[in-house]
mmCIF file of all heavy atoms, coordinates in Angstrom:
data_MODEL
# 
_entry.id   MODEL 
# 
loop_
_atom_site.group_PDB 
_atom_site.id 
_atom_site.type_symbol 
_atom_site.label_atom_id 
_atom_site.label_alt_id 
_atom_site.label_comp_id 
_atom_site.label_asym_id 
_atom_site.label_entity_id 
_atom_site.label_seq_id 
_atom_site.pdbx_PDB_ins_code 
_atom_site.Cartn_x 
_atom_site.Cartn_y 
_atom_site.Cartn_z 
_atom_site.occupancy 
_atom_site.B_iso_or_equiv 
_atom_site.pdbx_formal_charge 
_atom_site.auth_seq_id 
_atom_site.auth_comp_id 
_atom_site.auth_asym_id 
_atom_site.auth_atom_id 
_atom_site.pdbx_PDB_model_num 
ATOM 1   N N   . THR A 1 1  ? 132.332 98.348  136.964 1.00 0.00 ? 1  THR A N   1 
ATOM 2   C CA  . THR A 1 1  ? 131.518 97.181  137.364 1.00 0.00 ? 1  THR A CA  1 
ATOM 3   C C   . THR A 1 1  ? 130.485 96.938  136.316 1.00 0.00 ? 1  THR A C   1 
ATOM 4   O O   . THR A 1 1  ? 130.447 97.679  135.318 1.00 0.00 ? 1  THR A O   1 
ATOM 5   C CB  . THR A 1 1  ? 130.894 97.413  138.759 1.00 0.00 ? 1  THR A CB  1 
ATOM 6   O OG1 . THR A 1 1  ? 130.298 96.181  139.232 1.00 0.00 ? 1  THR A OG1 1 
ATOM 7   C CG2 . THR A 1 1  ? 129.861 98.513  138.712 1.00 0.00 ? 1  THR A CG2 1 
ATOM 8   N N   . THR A 1 2  ? 129.691 95.930  136.453 1.00 0.00 ? 2  THR A N   1 
ATOM 9   C CA  . THR A 1 2  ? 128.692 95.601  135.435 1.00 0.00 ? 2  THR A CA  1 
ATOM 10  C C   . THR A 1 2  ? 127.354 95.356  136.048 1.00 0.00 ? 2  THR A C   1 
ATOM 11  O O   . THR A 1 2  ? 127.182 95.205  137.279 1.00 0.00 ? 2  THR A O   1 
ATOM 12  C CB  . THR A 1 2  ? 129.112 94.324  134.654 1.00 0.00 ? 2  THR A CB  1 
ATOM 13  O OG1 . THR A 1 2  ? 129.232 93.230  135.566 1.00 0.00 ? 2  THR A OG1 1 
ATOM 14  C CG2 . THR A 1 2  ? 130.428 94.538  133.949 1.00 0.00 ? 2  THR A CG2 1 
ATOM 15  N N   . GLY A 1 3  ? 126.328 95.376  135.221 1.00 0.00 ? 3  GLY A N   1 
ATOM 16  C CA  . GLY A 1 3  ? 124.944 95.123  135.698 1.00 0.00 ? 3  GLY A CA  1 
ATOM 17  C C   . GLY A 1 3  ? 123.942 95.355  134.538 1.00 0.00 ? 3  GLY A C   1 
ATOM 18  O O   . GLY A 1 3  ? 124.358 95.470  133.383 1.00 0.00 ? 3  GLY A O   1 
ATOM 19  N N   . ARG A 1 4  ? 122.699 95.450  134.895 1.00 0.00 ? 4  ARG A N   1 
ATOM 20  C CA  . ARG A 1 4  ? 121.688 95.763  133.892 1.00 0.00 ? 4  ARG A CA  1 
ATOM 21  C C   . ARG A 1 4  ? 121.664 97.283  133.621 1.00 0.00 ? 4  ARG A C   1 
ATOM 22  O O   . ARG A 1 4  ? 121.924 98.065  134.528 1.00 0.00 ? 4  ARG A O   1 
ATOM 23  C CB  . ARG A 1 4  ? 120.310 95.302  134.414 1.00 0.00 ? 4  ARG A CB  1 
ATOM 24  C CG  . ARG A 1 4  ? 120.134 93.805  134.586 1.00 0.00 ? 4  ARG A CG  1 
ATOM 25  C CD  . ARG A 1 4  ? 118.713 93.416  135.050 1.00 0.00 ? 4  ARG A CD  1 
ATOM 26  N NE  . ARG A 1 4  ? 118.422 94.000  136.365 1.00 0.00 ? 4  ARG A NE  1 
ATOM 27  C CZ  . ARG A 1 4  ? 117.591 94.972  136.587 1.00 0.00 ? 4  ARG A CZ  1 
ATOM 28  N NH1 . ARG A 1 4  ? 116.932 95.576  135.587 1.00 0.00 ? 4  ARG A NH1 1 
ATOM 29  N NH2 . ARG A 1 4  ? 117.352 95.422  137.827 1.00 0.00 ? 4  ARG A NH2 1 
ATOM 30  N N   . CYS A 1 5  ? 121.400 97.635  132.374 1.00 0.00 ? 5  CYS A N   1 
ATOM 31  C CA  . CYS A 1 5  ? 121.366 99.059  132.031 1.00 0.00 ? 5  CYS A CA  1 
ATOM 32  C C   . CYS A 1 5  ? 120.369 99.845  132.896 1.00 0.00 ? 5  CYS A C   1 
ATOM 33  O O   . CYS A 1 5  ? 120.610 100.988 133.245 1.00 0.00 ? 5  CYS A O   1 
ATOM 34  C CB  . CYS A 1 5  ? 120.974 99.213  130.566 1.00 0.00 ? 5  CYS A CB  1 
ATOM 35  S SG  . CYS A 1 5  ? 122.176 98.528  129.401 1.00 0.00 ? 5  CYS A SG  1 
ATOM 36  N N   . ALA A 1 6  ? 119.316 99.180  133.327 1.00 0.00 ? 6  ALA A N   1 
ATOM 37  C CA  . ALA A 1 6  ? 118.293 99.857  134.167 1.00 0.00 ? 6  ALA A CA  1 
ATOM 38  C C   . ALA A 1 6  ? 118.854 100.157 135.553 1.00 0.00 ? 6  ALA A C   1 
ATOM 39  O O   . ALA A 1 6  ? 118.199 100.934 136.298 1.00 0.00 ? 6  ALA A O   1 
ATOM 40  C CB  . ALA A 1 6  ? 117.060 98.976  134.297 1.00 0.00 ? 6  ALA A CB  1 
ATOM 41  N N   . GLU A 1 7  ? 119.997 99.603  135.916 1.00 0.00 ? 7  GLU A N   1 
ATOM 42  C CA  . GLU A 1 7  ? 120.581 99.840  137.233 1.00 0.00 ? 7  GLU A CA  1 
ATOM 43  C C   . GLU A 1 7  ? 121.490 101.037 137.266 1.00 0.00 ? 7  GLU A C   1 
ATOM 44  O O   . GLU A 1 7  ? 122.115 101.263 138.298 1.00 0.00 ? 7  GLU A O   1 
ATOM 45  C CB  . GLU A 1 7  ? 121.347 98.594  137.665 1.00 0.00 ? 7  GLU A CB  1 
ATOM 46  C CG  . GLU A 1 7  ? 120.411 97.347  137.869 1.00 0.00 ? 7  GLU A CG  1 
ATOM 47  C CD  . GLU A 1 7  ? 121.182 96.071  138.129 1.00 0.00 ? 7  GLU A CD  1 
ATOM 48  O OE1 . GLU A 1 7  ? 122.399 96.037  137.785 1.00 0.00 ? 7  GLU A OE1 1 
ATOM 49  O OE2 . GLU A 1 7  ? 120.600 95.146  138.652 1.00 0.00 ? 7  GLU A OE2 1 
ATOM 50  N N   . ALA A 1 8  ? 121.574 101.811 136.216 1.00 0.00 ? 8  ALA A N   1 
ATOM 51  C CA  . ALA A 1 8  ? 122.506 102.931 136.154 1.00 0.00 ? 8  ALA A CA  1 
ATOM 52  C C   . ALA A 1 8  ? 122.243 103.932 137.247 1.00 0.00 ? 8  ALA A C   1 
ATOM 53  O O   . ALA A 1 8  ? 123.161 104.652 137.701 1.00 0.00 ? 8  ALA A O   1 
ATOM 54  C CB  . ALA A 1 8  ? 122.428 103.597 134.796 1.00 0.00 ? 8  ALA A CB  1 
ATOM 55  N N   . CYS A 1 9  ? 121.000 104.051 137.719 1.00 0.00 ? 9  CYS A N   1 
ATOM 56  C CA  . CYS A 1 9  ? 120.654 105.050 138.712 1.00 0.00 ? 9  CYS A CA  1 
ATOM 57  C C   . CYS A 1 9  ? 120.656 104.501 140.134 1.00 0.00 ? 9  CYS A C   1 
ATOM 58  O O   . CYS A 1 9  ? 120.275 105.204 141.064 1.00 0.00 ? 9  CYS A O   1 
ATOM 59  C CB  . CYS A 1 9  ? 119.311 105.612 138.377 1.00 0.00 ? 9  CYS A CB  1 
ATOM 60  S SG  . CYS A 1 9  ? 119.085 106.154 136.641 1.00 0.00 ? 9  CYS A SG  1 
ATOM 61  N N   . ASP A 1 10 ? 121.082 103.239 140.275 1.00 0.00 ? 10 ASP A N   1 
ATOM 62  C CA  . ASP A 1 10 ? 120.957 102.599 141.626 1.00 0.00 ? 10 ASP A CA  1 
ATOM 63  C C   . ASP A 1 10 ? 122.193 102.846 142.513 1.00 0.00 ? 10 ASP A C   1 
ATOM 64  O O   . ASP A 1 10 ? 122.175 102.482 143.663 1.00 0.00 ? 10 ASP A O   1 
ATOM 65  C CB  . ASP A 1 10 ? 120.741 101.096 141.445 1.00 0.00 ? 10 ASP A CB  1 
ATOM 66  C CG  . ASP A 1 10 ? 119.402 100.731 140.855 1.00 0.00 ? 10 ASP A CG  1 
ATOM 67  O OD1 . ASP A 1 10 ? 118.574 101.675 140.743 1.00 0.00 ? 10 ASP A OD1 1 
ATOM 68  O OD2 . ASP A 1 10 ? 119.205 99.586  140.498 1.00 0.00 ? 10 ASP A OD2 1 
ATOM 69  N N   . PHE A 1 11 ? 123.260 103.458 141.988 1.00 0.00 ? 11 PHE A N   1 
ATOM 70  C CA  . PHE A 1 11 ? 124.471 103.709 142.698 1.00 0.00 ? 11 PHE A CA  1 
ATOM 71  C C   . PHE A 1 11 ? 124.333 105.023 143.448 1.00 0.00 ? 11 PHE A C   1 
ATOM 72  O O   . PHE A 1 11 ? 123.507 105.876 143.140 1.00 0.00 ? 11 PHE A O   1 
ATOM 73  C CB  . PHE A 1 11 ? 125.701 103.750 141.775 1.00 0.00 ? 11 PHE A CB  1 
ATOM 74  C CG  . PHE A 1 11 ? 125.865 102.493 140.956 1.00 0.00 ? 11 PHE A CG  1 
ATOM 75  C CD1 . PHE A 1 11 ? 125.375 102.433 139.636 1.00 0.00 ? 11 PHE A CD1 1 
ATOM 76  C CD2 . PHE A 1 11 ? 126.585 101.436 141.464 1.00 0.00 ? 11 PHE A CD2 1 
ATOM 77  C CE1 . PHE A 1 11 ? 125.590 101.269 138.877 1.00 0.00 ? 11 PHE A CE1 1 
ATOM 78  C CE2 . PHE A 1 11 ? 126.769 100.283 140.741 1.00 0.00 ? 11 PHE A CE2 1 
ATOM 79  C CZ  . PHE A 1 11 ? 126.270 100.197 139.434 1.00 0.00 ? 11 PHE A CZ  1 
ATOM 80  N N   . ALA A 1 12 ? 125.196 105.179 144.473 1.00 0.00 ? 12 ALA A N   1 
ATOM 81  C CA  . ALA A 1 12 ? 125.190 106.441 145.239 1.00 0.00 ? 12 ALA A CA  1 
ATOM 82  C C   . ALA A 1 12 ? 125.614 107.631 144.384 1.00 0.00 ? 12 ALA A C   1 
ATOM 83  O O   . ALA A 1 12 ? 125.246 108.751 144.598 1.00 0.00 ? 12 ALA A O   1 
ATOM 84  C CB  . ALA A 1 12 ? 126.086 106.310 146.435 1.00 0.00 ? 12 ALA A CB  1 
ATOM 85  N N   . VAL A 1 13 ? 126.397 107.366 143.345 1.00 0.00 ? 13 VAL A N   1 
ATOM 86  C CA  . VAL A 1 13 ? 126.814 108.326 142.344 1.00 0.00 ? 13 VAL A CA  1 
ATOM 87  C C   . VAL A 1 13 ? 126.551 107.780 140.940 1.00 0.00 ? 13 VAL A C   1 
ATOM 88  O O   . VAL A 1 13 ? 126.533 106.568 140.766 1.00 0.00 ? 13 VAL A O   1 
ATOM 89  C CB  . VAL A 1 13 ? 128.265 108.736 142.512 1.00 0.00 ? 13 VAL A CB  1 
ATOM 90  C CG1 . VAL A 1 13 ? 128.514 109.500 143.811 1.00 0.00 ? 13 VAL A CG1 1 
ATOM 91  C CG2 . VAL A 1 13 ? 129.185 107.522 142.444 1.00 0.00 ? 13 VAL A CG2 1 
ATOM 92  N N   . ASN A 1 14 ? 126.375 108.648 139.987 1.00 0.00 ? 14 ASN A N   1 
ATOM 93  C CA  . ASN A 1 14 ? 126.156 108.162 138.664 1.00 0.00 ? 14 ASN A CA  1 
ATOM 94  C C   . ASN A 1 14 ? 127.492 107.716 138.024 1.00 0.00 ? 14 ASN A C   1 
ATOM 95  O O   . ASN A 1 14 ? 128.521 108.298 138.270 1.00 0.00 ? 14 ASN A O   1 
ATOM 96  C CB  . ASN A 1 14 ? 125.565 109.295 137.753 1.00 0.00 ? 14 ASN A CB  1 
ATOM 97  C CG  . ASN A 1 14 ? 124.170 109.664 138.174 1.00 0.00 ? 14 ASN A CG  1 
ATOM 98  O OD1 . ASN A 1 14 ? 123.892 110.877 138.193 1.00 0.00 ? 14 ASN A OD1 1 
ATOM 99  N ND2 . ASN A 1 14 ? 123.324 108.740 138.567 1.00 0.00 ? 14 ASN A ND2 1 
ATOM 100 N N   . PRO A 1 15 ? 127.389 106.762 137.123 1.00 0.00 ? 15 PRO A N   1 
ATOM 101 C CA  . PRO A 1 15 ? 128.592 106.361 136.383 1.00 0.00 ? 15 PRO A CA  1 
ATOM 102 C C   . PRO A 1 15 ? 129.138 107.550 135.530 1.00 0.00 ? 15 PRO A C   1 
ATOM 103 O O   . PRO A 1 15 ? 128.363 108.344 135.022 1.00 0.00 ? 15 PRO A O   1 
ATOM 104 C CB  . PRO A 1 15 ? 128.150 105.211 135.433 1.00 0.00 ? 15 PRO A CB  1 
ATOM 105 C CG  . PRO A 1 15 ? 126.867 104.722 136.054 1.00 0.00 ? 15 PRO A CG  1 
ATOM 106 C CD  . PRO A 1 15 ? 126.237 105.916 136.746 1.00 0.00 ? 15 PRO A CD  1 
ATOM 107 N N   . THR A 1 16 ? 130.456 107.629 135.400 1.00 0.00 ? 16 THR A N   1 
ATOM 108 C CA  . THR A 1 16 ? 131.045 108.620 134.571 1.00 0.00 ? 16 THR A CA  1 
ATOM 109 C C   . THR A 1 16 ? 130.795 108.257 133.109 1.00 0.00 ? 16 THR A C   1 
ATOM 110 O O   . THR A 1 16 ? 130.580 109.161 132.257 1.00 0.00 ? 16 THR A O   1 
ATOM 111 C CB  . THR A 1 16 ? 132.534 108.736 134.855 1.00 0.00 ? 16 THR A CB  1 
ATOM 112 O OG1 . THR A 1 16 ? 132.768 108.967 136.249 1.00 0.00 ? 16 THR A OG1 1 
ATOM 113 C CG2 . THR A 1 16 ? 133.164 109.919 134.095 1.00 0.00 ? 16 THR A CG2 1 
ATOM 114 N N   . MET A 1 17 ? 130.860 106.995 132.855 1.00 0.00 ? 17 MET A N   1 
ATOM 115 C CA  . MET A 1 17 ? 130.516 106.435 131.482 1.00 0.00 ? 17 MET A CA  1 
ATOM 116 C C   . MET A 1 17 ? 129.777 105.159 131.671 1.00 0.00 ? 17 MET A C   1 
ATOM 117 O O   . MET A 1 17 ? 130.103 104.397 132.594 1.00 0.00 ? 17 MET A O   1 
ATOM 118 C CB  . MET A 1 17 ? 131.780 106.218 130.628 1.00 0.00 ? 17 MET A CB  1 
ATOM 119 C CG  . MET A 1 17 ? 132.636 107.410 130.377 1.00 0.00 ? 17 MET A CG  1 
ATOM 120 S SD  . MET A 1 17 ? 134.058 106.980 129.297 1.00 0.00 ? 17 MET A SD  1 
ATOM 121 C CE  . MET A 1 17 ? 135.161 108.327 129.713 1.00 0.00 ? 17 MET A CE  1 
ATOM 122 N N   . TRP A 1 18 ? 128.787 104.901 130.813 1.00 0.00 ? 18 TRP A N   1 
ATOM 123 C CA  . TRP A 1 18 ? 128.133 103.598 130.826 1.00 0.00 ? 18 TRP A CA  1 
ATOM 124 C C   . TRP A 1 18 ? 127.623 103.266 129.447 1.00 0.00 ? 18 TRP A C   1 
ATOM 125 O O   . TRP A 1 18 ? 127.233 104.136 128.675 1.00 0.00 ? 18 TRP A O   1 
ATOM 126 C CB  . TRP A 1 18 ? 127.052 103.525 131.886 1.00 0.00 ? 18 TRP A CB  1 
ATOM 127 C CG  . TRP A 1 18 ? 126.094 104.659 132.009 1.00 0.00 ? 18 TRP A CG  1 
ATOM 128 C CD1 . TRP A 1 18 ? 126.356 105.922 132.418 1.00 0.00 ? 18 TRP A CD1 1 
ATOM 129 C CD2 . TRP A 1 18 ? 124.661 104.599 131.748 1.00 0.00 ? 18 TRP A CD2 1 
ATOM 130 N NE1 . TRP A 1 18 ? 125.213 106.662 132.469 1.00 0.00 ? 18 TRP A NE1 1 
ATOM 131 C CE2 . TRP A 1 18 ? 124.155 105.901 132.052 1.00 0.00 ? 18 TRP A CE2 1 
ATOM 132 C CE3 . TRP A 1 18 ? 123.789 103.618 131.333 1.00 0.00 ? 18 TRP A CE3 1 
ATOM 133 C CZ2 . TRP A 1 18 ? 122.811 106.201 131.950 1.00 0.00 ? 18 TRP A CZ2 1 
ATOM 134 C CZ3 . TRP A 1 18 ? 122.436 103.934 131.231 1.00 0.00 ? 18 TRP A CZ3 1 
ATOM 135 C CH2 . TRP A 1 18 ? 121.960 105.188 131.518 1.00 0.00 ? 18 TRP A CH2 1 
ATOM 136 N N   . TRP A 1 19 ? 127.649 101.959 129.130 1.00 0.00 ? 19 TRP A N   1 
ATOM 137 C CA  . TRP A 1 19 ? 127.282 101.523 127.801 1.00 0.00 ? 19 TRP A CA  1 
ATOM 138 C C   . TRP A 1 19 ? 126.944 100.022 127.871 1.00 0.00 ? 19 TRP A C   1 
ATOM 139 O O   . TRP A 1 19 ? 127.435 99.312  128.715 1.00 0.00 ? 19 TRP A O   1 
ATOM 140 C CB  . TRP A 1 19 ? 128.423 101.773 126.770 1.00 0.00 ? 19 TRP A CB  1 
ATOM 141 C CG  . TRP A 1 19 ? 129.661 100.999 127.011 1.00 0.00 ? 19 TRP A CG  1 
ATOM 142 C CD1 . TRP A 1 19 ? 130.002 99.776  126.459 1.00 0.00 ? 19 TRP A CD1 1 
ATOM 143 C CD2 . TRP A 1 19 ? 130.766 101.367 127.844 1.00 0.00 ? 19 TRP A CD2 1 
ATOM 144 N NE1 . TRP A 1 19 ? 131.228 99.419  126.921 1.00 0.00 ? 19 TRP A NE1 1 
ATOM 145 C CE2 . TRP A 1 19 ? 131.723 100.329 127.751 1.00 0.00 ? 19 TRP A CE2 1 
ATOM 146 C CE3 . TRP A 1 19 ? 131.029 102.457 128.672 1.00 0.00 ? 19 TRP A CE3 1 
ATOM 147 C CZ2 . TRP A 1 19 ? 132.946 100.381 128.449 1.00 0.00 ? 19 TRP A CZ2 1 
ATOM 148 C CZ3 . TRP A 1 19 ? 132.237 102.486 129.352 1.00 0.00 ? 19 TRP A CZ3 1 
ATOM 149 C CH2 . TRP A 1 19 ? 133.184 101.480 129.253 1.00 0.00 ? 19 TRP A CH2 1 
ATOM 150 N N   . PRO A 1 20 ? 126.049 99.553  126.963 1.00 0.00 ? 20 PRO A N   1 
ATOM 151 C CA  . PRO A 1 20 ? 125.743 98.105  126.894 1.00 0.00 ? 20 PRO A CA  1 
ATOM 152 C C   . PRO A 1 20 ? 126.868 97.401  126.174 1.00 0.00 ? 20 PRO A C   1 
ATOM 153 O O   . PRO A 1 20 ? 127.664 97.959  125.450 1.00 0.00 ? 20 PRO A O   1 
ATOM 154 C CB  . PRO A 1 20 ? 124.447 98.115  126.113 1.00 0.00 ? 20 PRO A CB  1 
ATOM 155 C CG  . PRO A 1 20 ? 124.564 99.244  125.192 1.00 0.00 ? 20 PRO A CG  1 
ATOM 156 C CD  . PRO A 1 20 ? 125.322 100.334 125.959 1.00 0.00 ? 20 PRO A CD  1 
ATOM 157 N N   . SER A 1 21 ? 126.911 96.056  126.378 1.00 0.00 ? 21 SER A N   1 
ATOM 158 C CA  . SER A 1 21 ? 128.001 95.263  125.792 1.00 0.00 ? 21 SER A CA  1 
ATOM 159 C C   . SER A 1 21 ? 127.959 95.261  124.306 1.00 0.00 ? 21 SER A C   1 
ATOM 160 O O   . SER A 1 21 ? 128.994 95.031  123.651 1.00 0.00 ? 21 SER A O   1 
ATOM 161 C CB  . SER A 1 21 ? 127.993 93.837  126.361 1.00 0.00 ? 21 SER A CB  1 
ATOM 162 O OG  . SER A 1 21 ? 126.765 93.216  126.030 1.00 0.00 ? 21 SER A OG  1 
ATOM 163 N N   . ASP A 1 22 ? 126.821 95.520  123.657 1.00 0.00 ? 22 ASP A N   1 
ATOM 164 C CA  . ASP A 1 22 ? 126.771 95.593  122.212 1.00 0.00 ? 22 ASP A CA  1 
ATOM 165 C C   . ASP A 1 22 ? 127.171 96.940  121.691 1.00 0.00 ? 22 ASP A C   1 
ATOM 166 O O   . ASP A 1 22 ? 127.198 97.181  120.473 1.00 0.00 ? 22 ASP A O   1 
ATOM 167 C CB  . ASP A 1 22 ? 125.394 95.191  121.677 1.00 0.00 ? 22 ASP A CB  1 
ATOM 168 C CG  . ASP A 1 22 ? 124.281 96.161  122.025 1.00 0.00 ? 22 ASP A CG  1 
ATOM 169 O OD1 . ASP A 1 22 ? 124.566 97.170  122.766 1.00 0.00 ? 22 ASP A OD1 1 
ATOM 170 O OD2 . ASP A 1 22 ? 123.126 95.953  121.609 1.00 0.00 ? 22 ASP A OD2 1 
ATOM 171 N N   . ARG A 1 23 ? 127.499 97.895  122.590 1.00 0.00 ? 23 ARG A N   1 
ATOM 172 C CA  . ARG A 1 23 ? 128.034 99.188  122.233 1.00 0.00 ? 23 ARG A CA  1 
ATOM 173 C C   . ARG A 1 23 ? 127.075 99.951  121.318 1.00 0.00 ? 23 ARG A C   1 
ATOM 174 O O   . ARG A 1 23 ? 127.525 100.662 120.399 1.00 0.00 ? 23 ARG A O   1 
ATOM 175 C CB  . ARG A 1 23 ? 129.404 99.101  121.643 1.00 0.00 ? 23 ARG A CB  1 
ATOM 176 C CG  . ARG A 1 23 ? 130.437 98.828  122.744 1.00 0.00 ? 23 ARG A CG  1 
ATOM 177 C CD  . ARG A 1 23 ? 131.785 98.314  122.280 1.00 0.00 ? 23 ARG A CD  1 
ATOM 178 N NE  . ARG A 1 23 ? 132.377 98.881  121.106 1.00 0.00 ? 23 ARG A NE  1 
ATOM 179 C CZ  . ARG A 1 23 ? 133.590 98.538  120.635 1.00 0.00 ? 23 ARG A CZ  1 
ATOM 180 N NH1 . ARG A 1 23 ? 134.291 97.610  121.286 1.00 0.00 ? 23 ARG A NH1 1 
ATOM 181 N NH2 . ARG A 1 23 ? 134.028 99.069  119.516 1.00 0.00 ? 23 ARG A NH2 1 
ATOM 182 N N   . SER A 1 24 ? 125.777 99.831  121.526 1.00 0.00 ? 24 SER A N   1 
ATOM 183 C CA  . SER A 1 24 ? 124.803 100.540 120.690 1.00 0.00 ? 24 SER A CA  1 
ATOM 184 C C   . SER A 1 24 ? 124.702 102.031 121.083 1.00 0.00 ? 24 SER A C   1 
ATOM 185 O O   . SER A 1 24 ? 124.204 102.808 120.286 1.00 0.00 ? 24 SER A O   1 
ATOM 186 C CB  . SER A 1 24 ? 123.420 99.873  120.799 1.00 0.00 ? 24 SER A CB  1 
ATOM 187 O OG  . SER A 1 24 ? 123.065 99.653  122.130 1.00 0.00 ? 24 SER A OG  1 
ATOM 188 N N   . TRP A 1 25 ? 125.213 102.404 122.251 1.00 0.00 ? 25 TRP A N   1 
ATOM 189 C CA  . TRP A 1 25 ? 125.213 103.776 122.711 1.00 0.00 ? 25 TRP A CA  1 
ATOM 190 C C   . TRP A 1 25 ? 126.213 103.931 123.878 1.00 0.00 ? 25 TRP A C   1 
ATOM 191 O O   . TRP A 1 25 ? 126.639 102.911 124.446 1.00 0.00 ? 25 TRP A O   1 
ATOM 192 C CB  . TRP A 1 25 ? 123.824 104.284 123.124 1.00 0.00 ? 25 TRP A CB  1 
ATOM 193 C CG  . TRP A 1 25 ? 123.023 103.315 123.942 1.00 0.00 ? 25 TRP A CG  1 
ATOM 194 C CD1 . TRP A 1 25 ? 122.046 102.476 123.529 1.00 0.00 ? 25 TRP A CD1 1 
ATOM 195 C CD2 . TRP A 1 25 ? 123.187 103.120 125.375 1.00 0.00 ? 25 TRP A CD2 1 
ATOM 196 N NE1 . TRP A 1 25 ? 121.518 101.744 124.616 1.00 0.00 ? 25 TRP A NE1 1 
ATOM 197 C CE2 . TRP A 1 25 ? 122.217 102.139 125.757 1.00 0.00 ? 25 TRP A CE2 1 
ATOM 198 C CE3 . TRP A 1 25 ? 123.992 103.622 126.385 1.00 0.00 ? 25 TRP A CE3 1 
ATOM 199 C CZ2 . TRP A 1 25 ? 122.050 101.654 127.049 1.00 0.00 ? 25 TRP A CZ2 1 
ATOM 200 C CZ3 . TRP A 1 25 ? 123.838 103.162 127.670 1.00 0.00 ? 25 TRP A CZ3 1 
ATOM 201 C CH2 . TRP A 1 25 ? 122.889 102.188 127.998 1.00 0.00 ? 25 TRP A CH2 1 
ATOM 202 N N   . ILE A 1 26 ? 126.523 105.122 124.228 1.00 0.00 ? 26 ILE A N   1 
ATOM 203 C CA  . ILE A 1 26 ? 127.346 105.406 125.436 1.00 0.00 ? 26 ILE A CA  1 
ATOM 204 C C   . ILE A 1 26 ? 126.892 106.711 126.052 1.00 0.00 ? 26 ILE A C   1 
ATOM 205 O O   . ILE A 1 26 ? 126.478 107.648 125.321 1.00 0.00 ? 26 ILE A O   1 
ATOM 206 C CB  . ILE A 1 26 ? 128.864 105.457 125.074 1.00 0.00 ? 26 ILE A CB  1 
ATOM 207 C CG1 . ILE A 1 26 ? 129.712 105.539 126.304 1.00 0.00 ? 26 ILE A CG1 1 
ATOM 208 C CG2 . ILE A 1 26 ? 129.152 106.633 124.142 1.00 0.00 ? 26 ILE A CG2 1 
ATOM 209 C CD1 . ILE A 1 26 ? 131.219 105.363 126.100 1.00 0.00 ? 26 ILE A CD1 1 
# 
């Protein structure tokens, strides 16, 4: 799914992987 980077902690579980669309980090 997608969203704002600041929302990474808003899920019941953490993403296994997450990165911004400009791929500046992962």
